[in-house]
Each structure stands twice: as C-alpha cells, then as structure tokens.
Amino acid sequence: MSSVNPNTSGLTLEEFLNIIRKKKEAQLYRNEIRHIFTAFDRHYRGYLTLEDFQKAFKQVAPKLPERITLEVFR
C-alpha cells in the first residue's frame, strides 16, 4: 500500500477502485489478445505460422495486399 500513497497506511475507496479497475482492464486486454491468438492458431499448436496469418487475414481482409501480411508477421 505504501506504493500507492507512502504518507498513509491505507487506501481510500477511490484509490482501491482505481487499482481494481486498472487490473481488470489489463486482464480484459490480455483475454482479448489470447482470443485473437487462438483464432489464428487453428491447429492448436501454441504458435503461429505465416500460413496461419495468411489464412486469417484472407478471411477478415481479403483485399489486403500480401506484403502487408508479411510485414505484420515479421
């Protein structure tokens, strides 16, 4: 708690809510990234190949130039 406010031995409700909100936002962001990764990892290998990227991008952005897909993968 001293990292939040070194001059006090406790947290106000507002400080507590801000800490919890930031933690939840980070968790939601991580879950969203995990969901996207899982959608790209169609064979459940735990890693993405260039082929995985290309197939995913062709479905969501079929007119996107292949060079862009390669740049994103790199």
Protein backbone atom coordinates (compact mmCIF):
# COMPACT_ATOMS: atom_id res chain seq x y z
CA MET A 1 0.00 0.00 0.00
CA SER A 2 2.88 2.34 0.56
CA SER A 3 3.49 2.34 -3.20
CA VAL A 4 0.09 3.97 -3.74
CA ASN A 5 0.46 6.65 -1.05
CA PRO A 6 3.59 6.48 1.13
CA ASN A 7 2.16 9.02 3.63
CA THR A 8 -0.69 6.76 4.77
CA SER A 9 -1.18 3.20 5.93
CA GLY A 10 -4.37 2.58 3.97
CA LEU A 11 -6.34 3.12 0.79
CA THR A 12 -9.35 5.26 0.17
CA LEU A 13 -12.28 3.71 -1.66
CA GLU A 14 -11.40 5.76 -4.74
CA GLU A 15 -7.76 4.55 -4.73
CA PHE A 16 -8.91 0.95 -4.26
CA LEU A 17 -11.42 1.20 -7.13
CA ASN A 18 -8.77 2.72 -9.42
CA ILE A 19 -6.35 -0.12 -8.67
CA ILE A 20 -9.02 -2.77 -9.28
CA ARG A 21 -10.21 -1.05 -12.48
CA LYS A 22 -6.66 -0.99 -13.91
CA LYS A 23 -6.17 -4.66 -13.02
CA LYS A 24 -9.46 -5.64 -14.69
CA GLU A 25 -8.66 -3.60 -17.82
CA ALA A 26 -5.29 -5.33 -18.15
CA GLN A 27 -6.97 -8.70 -17.67
CA LEU A 28 -9.60 -7.97 -20.31
CA TYR A 29 -6.92 -6.81 -22.75
CA ARG A 30 -4.91 -9.99 -22.16
CA ASN A 31 -8.01 -12.16 -22.63
CA GLU A 32 -8.81 -10.37 -25.89
CA ILE A 33 -5.28 -10.96 -27.19
CA ARG A 34 -5.47 -14.63 -26.15
CA HIS A 35 -8.79 -14.95 -28.00
CA ILE A 36 -7.31 -13.45 -31.18
CA PHE A 37 -4.23 -15.70 -30.93
CA THR A 38 -6.46 -18.76 -30.54
CA ALA A 39 -8.48 -17.73 -33.60
CA PHE A 40 -5.26 -17.52 -35.63
CA ASP A 41 -3.86 -20.78 -34.21
CA ARG A 42 -6.31 -23.08 -35.99
CA HIS A 43 -4.32 -26.25 -35.31
CA TYR A 44 -3.86 -25.51 -31.58
CA ARG A 45 -0.07 -25.74 -31.78
CA GLY A 46 0.64 -22.86 -29.42
CA TYR A 47 2.45 -20.82 -32.08
CA LEU A 48 1.55 -19.05 -35.32
CA THR A 49 2.99 -19.74 -38.72
CA LEU A 50 3.00 -17.47 -41.73
CA GLU A 51 0.33 -19.73 -43.24
CA ASP A 52 -1.88 -19.20 -40.17
CA PHE A 53 -1.51 -15.44 -40.58
CA GLN A 54 -2.23 -15.52 -44.29
CA LYS A 55 -5.39 -17.61 -43.89
CA ALA A 56 -6.70 -15.41 -41.08
CA PHE A 57 -6.03 -12.18 -42.94
CA LYS A 58 -7.63 -13.53 -46.13
CA GLN A 59 -10.82 -14.15 -44.16
CA VAL A 60 -11.02 -10.80 -42.39
CA ALA A 61 -9.36 -8.58 -45.01
CA PRO A 62 -9.38 -10.33 -48.39
CA LYS A 63 -8.24 -7.21 -50.28
CA LEU A 64 -5.25 -6.58 -48.03
CA PRO A 65 -2.01 -6.88 -50.04
CA GLU A 66 0.05 -9.95 -49.15
CA ARG A 67 3.11 -7.78 -48.44
CA ILE A 68 1.21 -6.19 -45.53
CA THR A 69 0.50 -9.64 -44.08
CA LEU A 70 4.19 -10.47 -44.37
CA GLU A 71 5.19 -7.22 -42.65
CA VAL A 72 2.76 -7.84 -39.78
CA PHE A 73 4.06 -11.39 -39.36
CA ARG A 74 7.66 -10.23 -39.24
